[in-house]
N, C-alpha and C. Protein backbone atom coordinates (compact mmCIF):
# COMPACT_ATOMS: atom_id res chain seq x y z
N UNK A 1 85.94 73.98 125.21
CA UNK A 1 85.94 74.35 123.80
C UNK A 1 85.28 73.25 122.96
N UNK A 2 85.50 72.01 123.31
CA UNK A 2 84.89 70.90 122.57
C UNK A 2 83.37 71.03 122.59
N UNK A 3 82.82 71.46 123.72
CA UNK A 3 81.36 71.61 123.84
C UNK A 3 80.87 72.90 123.17
N UNK A 4 81.62 73.98 123.33
CA UNK A 4 81.18 75.28 122.82
C UNK A 4 81.36 75.41 121.32
N UNK A 5 82.50 74.92 120.83
CA UNK A 5 82.79 75.05 119.39
C UNK A 5 83.59 73.84 118.93
N UNK A 6 82.93 72.72 118.71
CA UNK A 6 83.64 71.48 118.36
C UNK A 6 84.43 71.58 117.06
N UNK A 7 84.00 72.44 116.13
CA UNK A 7 84.74 72.56 114.86
C UNK A 7 86.12 73.17 115.10
N UNK A 8 86.16 74.25 115.88
CA UNK A 8 87.45 74.87 116.19
C UNK A 8 88.30 73.92 117.02
N UNK A 9 87.68 73.24 117.97
CA UNK A 9 88.42 72.28 118.80
C UNK A 9 89.07 71.20 117.94
N UNK A 10 88.35 70.73 116.94
CA UNK A 10 88.88 69.70 116.05
C UNK A 10 90.04 70.24 115.21
N UNK A 11 89.91 71.48 114.77
CA UNK A 11 90.99 72.08 113.97
C UNK A 11 92.25 72.30 114.81
N UNK A 12 92.07 72.69 116.07
CA UNK A 12 93.22 72.85 116.96
C UNK A 12 93.90 71.51 117.19
N UNK A 13 93.10 70.47 117.41
CA UNK A 13 93.65 69.13 117.62
C UNK A 13 94.39 68.65 116.37
N UNK A 14 93.83 68.96 115.20
CA UNK A 14 94.49 68.57 113.95
C UNK A 14 95.82 69.29 113.79
N UNK A 15 95.87 70.56 114.17
CA UNK A 15 97.13 71.32 114.09
C UNK A 15 98.16 70.77 115.06
N UNK A 16 97.71 70.38 116.25
CA UNK A 16 98.63 69.77 117.23
C UNK A 16 99.26 68.51 116.66
N UNK A 17 98.44 67.68 116.00
CA UNK A 17 98.97 66.45 115.39
C UNK A 17 99.95 66.79 114.26
N UNK A 18 99.57 67.80 113.45
CA UNK A 18 100.42 68.21 112.32
C UNK A 18 101.78 68.69 112.80
N UNK A 19 101.78 69.51 113.85
CA UNK A 19 103.05 70.04 114.37
C UNK A 19 103.89 68.94 115.01
N UNK A 20 103.24 67.93 115.55
CA UNK A 20 103.98 66.82 116.16
C UNK A 20 104.57 65.89 115.11
N UNK A 21 103.95 65.85 113.93
CA UNK A 21 104.38 64.92 112.89
C UNK A 21 105.31 65.53 111.85
N UNK A 22 105.51 66.85 111.90
CA UNK A 22 106.35 67.52 110.90
C UNK A 22 107.40 68.37 111.59
N UNK A 23 108.40 68.78 110.83
CA UNK A 23 109.43 69.68 111.34
C UNK A 23 109.26 71.01 110.63
N UNK A 24 109.01 72.06 111.38
CA UNK A 24 108.84 73.39 110.82
C UNK A 24 110.19 74.10 110.80
N UNK A 25 110.59 74.60 109.65
CA UNK A 25 111.87 75.28 109.51
C UNK A 25 111.69 76.78 109.31
N UNK A 26 110.51 77.29 109.56
CA UNK A 26 110.25 78.72 109.47
C UNK A 26 110.41 79.32 110.86
N UNK A 27 111.32 80.29 110.97
CA UNK A 27 111.66 80.83 112.29
C UNK A 27 110.45 81.33 113.05
N UNK A 28 109.55 82.03 112.37
CA UNK A 28 108.39 82.60 113.05
C UNK A 28 107.35 81.55 113.42
N UNK A 29 107.56 80.30 113.01
CA UNK A 29 106.69 79.20 113.44
C UNK A 29 107.43 78.25 114.37
N UNK A 30 108.30 78.83 115.17
CA UNK A 30 109.06 78.05 116.13
C UNK A 30 108.10 77.33 117.09
N UNK A 31 108.53 76.19 117.62
CA UNK A 31 107.68 75.43 118.53
C UNK A 31 107.66 76.08 119.91
N UNK A 32 106.47 76.40 120.37
CA UNK A 32 106.31 77.05 121.66
C UNK A 32 106.24 75.99 122.76
N UNK A 33 106.91 76.27 123.87
CA UNK A 33 106.90 75.32 124.98
C UNK A 33 105.53 75.29 125.63
N UNK A 34 105.27 74.24 126.38
CA UNK A 34 103.99 74.11 127.09
C UNK A 34 103.81 75.29 128.06
N UNK A 35 104.91 75.72 128.70
CA UNK A 35 104.82 76.84 129.64
C UNK A 35 104.39 78.13 128.93
N UNK A 36 104.94 78.38 127.73
CA UNK A 36 104.56 79.58 126.98
C UNK A 36 103.11 79.49 126.53
N UNK A 37 102.69 78.29 126.09
CA UNK A 37 101.29 78.12 125.70
C UNK A 37 100.35 78.42 126.86
N UNK A 38 100.74 77.98 128.06
CA UNK A 38 99.90 78.22 129.23
C UNK A 38 99.83 79.72 129.55
N UNK A 39 100.96 80.42 129.41
CA UNK A 39 100.99 81.85 129.72
C UNK A 39 100.18 82.65 128.69
N UNK A 40 100.35 82.33 127.42
CA UNK A 40 99.65 83.09 126.39
C UNK A 40 98.17 82.74 126.33
N UNK A 41 97.79 81.60 126.84
CA UNK A 41 96.38 81.21 126.89
C UNK A 41 95.75 81.49 128.23
N UNK A 42 96.38 82.38 129.01
CA UNK A 42 95.89 82.68 130.35
C UNK A 42 94.98 83.91 130.35
N UNK A 43 94.57 84.34 131.54
CA UNK A 43 93.73 85.54 131.67
C UNK A 43 94.46 86.80 131.23
N UNK A 44 95.77 86.73 131.05
CA UNK A 44 96.51 87.91 130.58
C UNK A 44 96.02 88.35 129.21
N UNK A 45 95.44 87.43 128.46
CA UNK A 45 94.94 87.80 127.13
C UNK A 45 93.73 88.73 127.21
N UNK A 46 93.14 88.84 128.40
CA UNK A 46 91.99 89.73 128.58
C UNK A 46 92.38 91.20 128.69
N UNK A 47 93.66 91.47 128.88
CA UNK A 47 94.09 92.84 129.18
C UNK A 47 94.46 93.60 127.92
N UNK A 48 94.10 94.87 127.93
CA UNK A 48 94.47 95.80 126.88
C UNK A 48 95.14 96.96 127.59
N UNK A 49 96.45 97.01 127.56
CA UNK A 49 97.20 97.88 128.46
C UNK A 49 97.95 98.97 127.71
N UNK A 50 97.25 100.02 127.34
CA UNK A 50 97.90 101.14 126.65
C UNK A 50 98.81 101.90 127.60
N UNK A 51 99.90 102.43 127.05
CA UNK A 51 100.84 103.19 127.85
C UNK A 51 101.91 102.29 128.44
N UNK A 52 102.68 102.85 129.35
CA UNK A 52 103.77 102.11 129.99
C UNK A 52 103.43 101.80 131.44
N UNK A 53 104.20 100.92 132.04
CA UNK A 53 103.95 100.52 133.42
C UNK A 53 103.86 101.75 134.33
N UNK A 54 102.82 101.78 135.15
CA UNK A 54 102.54 102.86 136.11
C UNK A 54 102.16 104.18 135.42
N UNK A 55 101.99 104.15 134.11
CA UNK A 55 101.55 105.33 133.36
C UNK A 55 100.47 104.92 132.36
N UNK A 56 99.56 104.07 132.80
CA UNK A 56 98.51 103.56 131.93
C UNK A 56 97.41 104.60 131.77
N UNK A 57 96.53 104.34 130.81
CA UNK A 57 95.44 105.26 130.56
C UNK A 57 94.18 104.89 131.36
N UNK A 58 94.18 103.75 132.01
CA UNK A 58 93.07 103.40 132.89
C UNK A 58 93.55 102.39 133.93
N UNK A 59 92.72 102.16 134.90
CA UNK A 59 93.10 101.36 136.07
C UNK A 59 93.04 99.85 135.78
N UNK A 60 93.42 99.06 136.80
CA UNK A 60 93.34 97.61 136.71
C UNK A 60 94.55 96.96 136.07
N UNK A 61 95.71 97.63 136.12
CA UNK A 61 96.90 97.12 135.44
C UNK A 61 98.00 96.67 136.41
N UNK A 62 97.65 96.43 137.66
CA UNK A 62 98.67 96.13 138.68
C UNK A 62 99.52 94.92 138.29
N UNK A 63 98.86 93.81 137.96
CA UNK A 63 99.61 92.61 137.59
C UNK A 63 100.32 92.78 136.24
N UNK A 64 99.65 93.47 135.32
CA UNK A 64 100.24 93.67 134.00
C UNK A 64 101.52 94.49 134.11
N UNK A 65 101.50 95.52 134.94
CA UNK A 65 102.71 96.33 135.15
C UNK A 65 103.86 95.44 135.63
N UNK A 66 103.56 94.53 136.55
CA UNK A 66 104.60 93.65 137.08
C UNK A 66 105.11 92.68 136.02
N UNK A 67 104.19 92.17 135.18
CA UNK A 67 104.59 91.27 134.10
C UNK A 67 105.52 92.00 133.13
N UNK A 68 105.14 93.22 132.77
CA UNK A 68 105.93 93.99 131.82
C UNK A 68 107.30 94.34 132.41
N UNK A 69 107.33 94.73 133.66
CA UNK A 69 108.60 95.08 134.31
C UNK A 69 109.50 93.85 134.43
N UNK A 70 108.91 92.70 134.71
CA UNK A 70 109.69 91.47 134.79
C UNK A 70 110.29 91.12 133.42
N UNK A 71 109.48 91.27 132.36
CA UNK A 71 109.97 91.00 131.01
C UNK A 71 111.10 91.95 130.65
N UNK A 72 110.96 93.22 130.99
CA UNK A 72 112.01 94.21 130.70
C UNK A 72 113.30 93.85 131.42
N UNK A 73 113.21 93.53 132.70
CA UNK A 73 114.43 93.21 133.46
C UNK A 73 115.11 91.96 132.93
N UNK A 74 114.33 90.99 132.50
CA UNK A 74 114.93 89.76 131.94
C UNK A 74 115.61 90.04 130.61
N UNK A 75 114.98 90.85 129.76
CA UNK A 75 115.58 91.17 128.46
C UNK A 75 116.85 92.00 128.63
N UNK A 76 116.85 92.92 129.58
CA UNK A 76 118.06 93.70 129.85
C UNK A 76 119.21 92.79 130.26
N UNK A 77 118.91 91.82 131.11
CA UNK A 77 119.94 90.90 131.58
C UNK A 77 120.45 90.01 130.46
N UNK A 78 119.54 89.52 129.62
CA UNK A 78 119.94 88.62 128.53
C UNK A 78 120.81 89.33 127.50
N UNK A 79 120.41 90.56 127.11
CA UNK A 79 121.09 91.24 126.02
C UNK A 79 122.03 92.36 126.47
N UNK A 80 122.14 92.57 127.78
CA UNK A 80 123.01 93.63 128.27
C UNK A 80 122.56 94.99 127.78
N UNK A 81 121.26 95.18 127.66
CA UNK A 81 120.71 96.42 127.10
C UNK A 81 120.39 97.41 128.21
N UNK A 82 120.54 98.69 127.87
CA UNK A 82 120.21 99.76 128.82
C UNK A 82 118.71 100.04 128.82
N UNK A 83 118.10 99.97 127.63
CA UNK A 83 116.67 100.23 127.48
C UNK A 83 116.02 99.07 126.72
N UNK A 84 114.82 98.69 127.12
CA UNK A 84 114.08 97.62 126.45
C UNK A 84 112.61 98.00 126.39
N UNK A 85 111.98 97.78 125.24
CA UNK A 85 110.53 97.94 125.11
C UNK A 85 109.98 96.59 124.67
N UNK A 86 109.15 95.99 125.51
CA UNK A 86 108.64 94.65 125.22
C UNK A 86 107.21 94.69 124.69
N UNK A 87 106.71 95.85 124.32
CA UNK A 87 105.31 95.97 123.95
C UNK A 87 104.94 95.57 122.53
N UNK A 88 105.76 95.80 121.50
CA UNK A 88 105.32 95.42 120.15
C UNK A 88 104.88 93.96 120.11
N UNK A 89 103.76 93.71 119.45
CA UNK A 89 103.17 92.38 119.51
C UNK A 89 103.69 91.43 118.44
N UNK A 90 104.50 91.92 117.50
CA UNK A 90 105.14 91.01 116.55
C UNK A 90 106.36 91.69 115.97
N UNK A 91 107.13 90.93 115.22
CA UNK A 91 108.37 91.46 114.68
C UNK A 91 108.18 92.62 113.72
N UNK A 92 107.13 92.58 112.91
CA UNK A 92 106.96 93.61 111.88
C UNK A 92 106.73 95.00 112.47
N UNK A 93 105.76 95.20 113.39
CA UNK A 93 105.63 96.53 113.98
C UNK A 93 106.82 96.92 114.86
N UNK A 94 107.49 95.92 115.44
CA UNK A 94 108.69 96.23 116.22
C UNK A 94 109.77 96.80 115.29
N UNK A 95 109.94 96.19 114.12
CA UNK A 95 110.90 96.70 113.16
C UNK A 95 110.52 98.09 112.68
N UNK A 96 109.23 98.31 112.44
CA UNK A 96 108.78 99.62 111.99
C UNK A 96 109.07 100.67 113.05
N UNK A 97 108.94 100.32 114.32
CA UNK A 97 109.26 101.25 115.39
C UNK A 97 110.73 101.65 115.34
N UNK A 98 111.60 100.70 115.02
CA UNK A 98 113.03 101.00 114.88
C UNK A 98 113.25 101.99 113.74
N UNK A 99 112.61 101.72 112.60
CA UNK A 99 112.74 102.64 111.46
C UNK A 99 112.30 104.05 111.83
N UNK A 100 111.11 104.16 112.42
CA UNK A 100 110.55 105.47 112.70
C UNK A 100 111.36 106.23 113.74
N UNK A 101 112.13 105.52 114.55
CA UNK A 101 112.96 106.17 115.55
C UNK A 101 114.25 106.72 114.96
N UNK A 102 114.75 106.09 113.88
CA UNK A 102 116.10 106.43 113.42
C UNK A 102 116.22 106.86 111.96
N UNK A 103 115.19 106.62 111.14
CA UNK A 103 115.32 106.87 109.70
C UNK A 103 114.21 107.78 109.22
N UNK A 104 114.58 108.71 108.35
CA UNK A 104 113.59 109.61 107.75
C UNK A 104 113.12 109.03 106.41
N UNK A 105 111.91 109.39 105.97
CA UNK A 105 111.42 108.91 104.68
C UNK A 105 112.42 109.19 103.57
N UNK A 106 112.66 108.18 102.74
CA UNK A 106 113.57 108.34 101.62
C UNK A 106 115.02 108.03 101.93
N UNK A 107 115.38 107.91 103.21
CA UNK A 107 116.76 107.58 103.55
C UNK A 107 117.03 106.10 103.28
N UNK A 108 118.29 105.75 103.25
CA UNK A 108 118.70 104.42 102.80
C UNK A 108 118.79 103.42 103.94
N UNK A 109 118.30 102.21 103.66
CA UNK A 109 118.40 101.09 104.59
C UNK A 109 118.98 99.89 103.84
N UNK A 110 119.53 98.94 104.57
CA UNK A 110 120.05 97.72 103.96
C UNK A 110 119.61 96.50 104.75
N UNK A 111 119.25 95.44 104.04
CA UNK A 111 118.90 94.18 104.67
C UNK A 111 119.03 93.05 103.68
N UNK A 112 119.03 91.85 104.17
CA UNK A 112 119.10 90.67 103.30
C UNK A 112 117.84 90.61 102.44
N UNK A 113 118.01 90.46 101.12
CA UNK A 113 116.87 90.40 100.22
C UNK A 113 115.96 89.23 100.53
N UNK A 114 114.68 89.42 100.32
CA UNK A 114 113.69 88.37 100.62
C UNK A 114 113.99 87.05 99.91
N UNK A 115 114.35 87.06 98.60
CA UNK A 115 114.63 85.77 97.94
C UNK A 115 115.84 85.04 98.50
N UNK A 116 116.70 85.76 99.22
CA UNK A 116 117.90 85.15 99.79
C UNK A 116 117.69 84.71 101.23
N UNK A 117 116.48 84.90 101.77
CA UNK A 117 116.19 84.47 103.13
C UNK A 117 115.96 85.61 104.09
N UNK A 118 115.91 86.85 103.58
CA UNK A 118 115.65 87.99 104.44
C UNK A 118 114.18 88.12 104.78
N UNK A 119 113.88 89.10 105.62
CA UNK A 119 112.50 89.34 106.02
C UNK A 119 111.93 90.51 105.24
N UNK A 120 110.65 90.46 104.92
CA UNK A 120 110.05 91.49 104.09
C UNK A 120 110.13 92.88 104.72
N UNK A 121 110.23 92.95 106.06
CA UNK A 121 110.32 94.26 106.71
C UNK A 121 111.72 94.86 106.67
N UNK A 122 112.65 94.15 106.06
CA UNK A 122 114.01 94.69 105.93
C UNK A 122 114.18 95.43 104.62
N UNK A 123 113.07 95.94 104.07
CA UNK A 123 113.13 96.80 102.91
C UNK A 123 112.57 96.22 101.63
N UNK A 124 111.87 95.08 101.72
CA UNK A 124 111.34 94.49 100.49
C UNK A 124 110.14 95.29 100.00
N UNK A 125 109.89 95.25 98.70
CA UNK A 125 108.91 96.14 98.07
C UNK A 125 107.47 95.90 98.51
N UNK A 126 107.13 94.70 98.98
CA UNK A 126 105.75 94.44 99.42
C UNK A 126 105.48 95.01 100.80
N UNK A 127 106.51 95.45 101.48
CA UNK A 127 106.38 96.01 102.82
C UNK A 127 106.42 97.53 102.74
N UNK A 128 105.81 98.20 103.71
CA UNK A 128 105.89 99.65 103.76
C UNK A 128 107.35 100.11 103.85
N UNK A 129 108.21 99.25 104.42
CA UNK A 129 109.61 99.63 104.58
C UNK A 129 110.32 99.77 103.24
N UNK A 130 109.86 99.02 102.23
CA UNK A 130 110.45 99.14 100.90
C UNK A 130 109.85 100.28 100.10
N UNK A 131 108.71 100.79 100.56
CA UNK A 131 108.06 101.91 99.87
C UNK A 131 108.44 103.24 100.50
N UNK A 132 108.68 103.22 101.80
CA UNK A 132 108.91 104.44 102.57
C UNK A 132 110.38 104.85 102.59
N UNK A 133 111.26 103.84 102.48
CA UNK A 133 112.70 104.10 102.54
C UNK A 133 113.38 103.58 101.27
N UNK A 134 114.57 104.09 100.98
CA UNK A 134 115.35 103.58 99.86
C UNK A 134 116.04 102.30 100.32
N UNK A 135 115.68 101.19 99.73
CA UNK A 135 116.18 99.89 100.17
C UNK A 135 117.29 99.37 99.26
N UNK A 136 118.38 98.94 99.87
CA UNK A 136 119.49 98.33 99.15
C UNK A 136 119.67 96.91 99.70
N UNK A 137 119.16 95.91 99.00
CA UNK A 137 119.28 94.53 99.52
C UNK A 137 120.64 93.93 99.21
N UNK A 138 121.14 93.13 100.15
CA UNK A 138 122.31 92.32 99.87
C UNK A 138 121.86 90.87 99.75
N UNK A 139 122.77 90.00 99.27
CA UNK A 139 122.35 88.63 99.00
C UNK A 139 123.31 87.57 99.51
N UNK A 140 123.19 86.41 98.95
CA UNK A 140 124.05 85.27 99.31
C UNK A 140 124.85 84.85 98.08
N UNK A 141 125.96 84.18 98.33
CA UNK A 141 126.78 83.66 97.23
C UNK A 141 126.09 82.47 96.59
N UNK A 142 126.18 82.36 95.28
CA UNK A 142 125.60 81.21 94.59
C UNK A 142 126.34 79.93 94.93
N UNK A 143 127.63 80.05 95.25
CA UNK A 143 128.45 78.85 95.47
C UNK A 143 128.10 78.10 96.75
N UNK A 144 127.77 78.83 97.82
CA UNK A 144 127.49 78.15 99.10
C UNK A 144 126.25 78.70 99.81
N UNK A 145 125.56 79.65 99.19
CA UNK A 145 124.32 80.21 99.74
C UNK A 145 124.51 80.87 101.10
N UNK A 146 125.70 81.36 101.37
CA UNK A 146 125.97 82.11 102.59
C UNK A 146 125.99 83.61 102.27
N UNK A 147 125.67 84.43 103.27
CA UNK A 147 125.69 85.87 103.06
C UNK A 147 127.07 86.30 102.60
N UNK A 148 127.10 87.06 101.53
CA UNK A 148 128.35 87.55 100.96
C UNK A 148 128.75 88.83 101.69
N UNK A 149 129.60 88.69 102.72
CA UNK A 149 129.98 89.83 103.53
C UNK A 149 130.80 90.85 102.75
N UNK A 150 131.52 90.41 101.72
CA UNK A 150 132.23 91.37 100.87
C UNK A 150 131.23 92.25 100.13
N UNK A 151 130.13 91.64 99.65
CA UNK A 151 129.10 92.40 98.98
C UNK A 151 128.42 93.36 99.96
N UNK A 152 128.17 92.89 101.17
CA UNK A 152 127.56 93.75 102.18
C UNK A 152 128.42 94.98 102.42
N UNK A 153 129.72 94.77 102.57
CA UNK A 153 130.64 95.90 102.81
C UNK A 153 130.67 96.85 101.62
N UNK A 154 130.76 96.31 100.42
CA UNK A 154 130.81 97.15 99.22
C UNK A 154 129.53 97.98 99.08
N UNK A 155 128.38 97.34 99.28
CA UNK A 155 127.12 98.05 99.17
C UNK A 155 126.97 99.12 100.25
N UNK A 156 127.42 98.78 101.45
CA UNK A 156 127.33 99.74 102.56
C UNK A 156 128.23 100.95 102.29
N UNK A 157 129.42 100.71 101.79
CA UNK A 157 130.31 101.82 101.48
C UNK A 157 129.74 102.71 100.38
N UNK A 158 129.11 102.09 99.39
CA UNK A 158 128.59 102.84 98.25
C UNK A 158 127.31 103.59 98.58
N UNK A 159 126.49 103.04 99.51
CA UNK A 159 125.15 103.61 99.75
C UNK A 159 124.98 104.27 101.11
N UNK A 160 125.90 104.03 102.05
CA UNK A 160 125.87 104.66 103.37
C UNK A 160 124.49 104.58 104.03
N UNK A 161 124.00 103.36 104.31
CA UNK A 161 122.66 103.23 104.90
C UNK A 161 122.59 103.79 106.31
N UNK A 162 121.39 104.25 106.69
CA UNK A 162 121.19 104.69 108.07
C UNK A 162 121.06 103.48 109.00
N UNK A 163 120.43 102.41 108.48
CA UNK A 163 120.27 101.18 109.25
C UNK A 163 120.77 100.01 108.42
N UNK A 164 121.52 99.14 109.06
CA UNK A 164 121.97 97.88 108.45
C UNK A 164 121.35 96.74 109.26
N UNK A 165 120.45 95.99 108.61
CA UNK A 165 119.81 94.86 109.28
C UNK A 165 120.65 93.60 109.10
N UNK A 166 120.78 92.84 110.20
CA UNK A 166 121.45 91.55 110.08
C UNK A 166 120.55 90.41 110.55
N UNK A 167 119.26 90.65 110.54
CA UNK A 167 118.31 89.58 110.84
C UNK A 167 117.89 88.86 109.57
N UNK A 168 117.31 87.70 109.72
CA UNK A 168 116.86 86.90 108.58
C UNK A 168 115.52 86.28 108.94
N UNK A 169 114.93 85.57 107.97
CA UNK A 169 113.74 84.80 108.28
C UNK A 169 113.81 83.38 107.75
N UNK A 170 114.62 83.15 106.73
CA UNK A 170 114.75 81.81 106.16
C UNK A 170 116.19 81.58 105.75
N UNK A 171 117.09 81.73 106.70
CA UNK A 171 118.53 81.59 106.45
C UNK A 171 119.10 80.72 107.57
N UNK A 172 119.37 79.44 107.29
CA UNK A 172 119.71 78.49 108.35
C UNK A 172 121.18 78.47 108.73
N UNK A 173 121.83 79.63 108.74
CA UNK A 173 123.26 79.71 109.06
C UNK A 173 123.46 80.68 110.22
N UNK A 174 124.56 80.50 110.93
CA UNK A 174 124.92 81.42 111.99
C UNK A 174 125.41 82.72 111.37
N UNK A 175 124.91 83.84 111.86
CA UNK A 175 125.30 85.14 111.33
C UNK A 175 126.62 85.60 111.94
N UNK A 176 127.42 86.29 111.14
CA UNK A 176 128.69 86.84 111.60
C UNK A 176 128.42 88.24 112.15
N UNK A 177 127.96 88.29 113.39
CA UNK A 177 127.58 89.57 113.98
C UNK A 177 128.76 90.52 114.07
N UNK A 178 129.95 89.99 114.35
CA UNK A 178 131.13 90.86 114.45
C UNK A 178 131.43 91.54 113.12
N UNK A 179 131.27 90.82 112.02
CA UNK A 179 131.51 91.41 110.70
C UNK A 179 130.46 92.48 110.39
N UNK A 180 129.21 92.20 110.72
CA UNK A 180 128.16 93.20 110.52
C UNK A 180 128.44 94.44 111.37
N UNK A 181 128.87 94.23 112.60
CA UNK A 181 129.18 95.36 113.49
C UNK A 181 130.29 96.21 112.89
N UNK A 182 131.32 95.56 112.36
CA UNK A 182 132.45 96.26 111.77
C UNK A 182 132.01 97.12 110.58
N UNK A 183 131.16 96.55 109.73
CA UNK A 183 130.69 97.26 108.54
C UNK A 183 129.82 98.45 108.95
N UNK A 184 128.91 98.23 109.89
CA UNK A 184 128.05 99.32 110.36
C UNK A 184 128.88 100.46 110.94
N UNK A 185 129.86 100.12 111.74
CA UNK A 185 130.71 101.15 112.33
C UNK A 185 131.49 101.91 111.26
N UNK A 186 131.94 101.19 110.25
CA UNK A 186 132.73 101.81 109.19
C UNK A 186 131.94 102.87 108.43
N UNK A 187 130.65 102.61 108.20
CA UNK A 187 129.85 103.54 107.39
C UNK A 187 128.92 104.41 108.24
N UNK A 188 129.01 104.28 109.56
CA UNK A 188 128.19 105.10 110.44
C UNK A 188 126.73 104.70 110.48
N UNK A 189 126.45 103.42 110.26
CA UNK A 189 125.08 102.93 110.26
C UNK A 189 124.69 102.38 111.63
N UNK A 190 123.40 102.41 111.91
CA UNK A 190 122.87 101.73 113.09
C UNK A 190 122.75 100.26 112.72
N UNK A 191 123.31 99.38 113.54
CA UNK A 191 123.18 97.94 113.31
C UNK A 191 121.95 97.43 114.03
N UNK A 192 121.02 96.84 113.27
CA UNK A 192 119.79 96.30 113.86
C UNK A 192 119.80 94.78 113.70
N UNK A 193 119.81 94.06 114.82
CA UNK A 193 119.77 92.61 114.80
C UNK A 193 118.34 92.18 115.08
N UNK A 194 117.68 91.67 114.07
CA UNK A 194 116.28 91.28 114.16
C UNK A 194 116.16 89.90 114.79
N UNK A 195 116.29 89.85 116.12
CA UNK A 195 116.32 88.55 116.79
C UNK A 195 114.99 87.83 116.77
N UNK A 196 113.91 88.57 116.68
CA UNK A 196 112.60 87.90 116.62
C UNK A 196 112.49 87.01 115.41
N UNK A 197 112.97 87.48 114.28
CA UNK A 197 112.89 86.68 113.06
C UNK A 197 114.02 85.66 112.98
N UNK A 198 115.11 85.88 113.74
CA UNK A 198 116.17 84.88 113.79
C UNK A 198 115.73 83.70 114.63
N UNK A 199 115.18 83.99 115.81
CA UNK A 199 114.87 82.92 116.76
C UNK A 199 113.43 82.45 116.70
N UNK A 200 112.61 83.15 115.94
CA UNK A 200 111.21 82.76 115.88
C UNK A 200 110.47 83.06 117.15
N UNK A 201 110.83 84.17 117.80
CA UNK A 201 110.19 84.54 119.05
C UNK A 201 108.83 85.16 118.80
């Protein structure tokens, strides 16, 4: 790369120094391990694999099928899930897939408001999710900047959302998943835990 495009090589080197000298607190800019960098910078980036394993639209997917199946089996084991789809390439389209599977246009959704540390795909107005669905944001207490679970429960009871998001993007606290589960069950909502934006995956 230094020989082919020295300008890009220099910018990459500058970013490496920047990331080594600073602490990033944005979940989606989590520090990637050397092993992940090697995998994502491998020949796998050459593949465009439409469809699912063993049901592709063209040939040459033998290794890709195995990679995808391995990822699925690992995610099932980690999260105790019956079904896993590892194909969405980022959190935003993955979230949109959840919406399109469970919510009709105009139905109500709930998520942490963007100014309080939520993610824009949890119903904020700049996202299609805030335009396509009726969004009811919850917030944090002014006293300690923690999610106000009483407010979440009150809003959920009043608005009966189809989906209740408990993921965040800029909220440096441990989430009370059990409390979110209880509220979702009480109002008959699907509980969606946006782990990509929590962990910066």
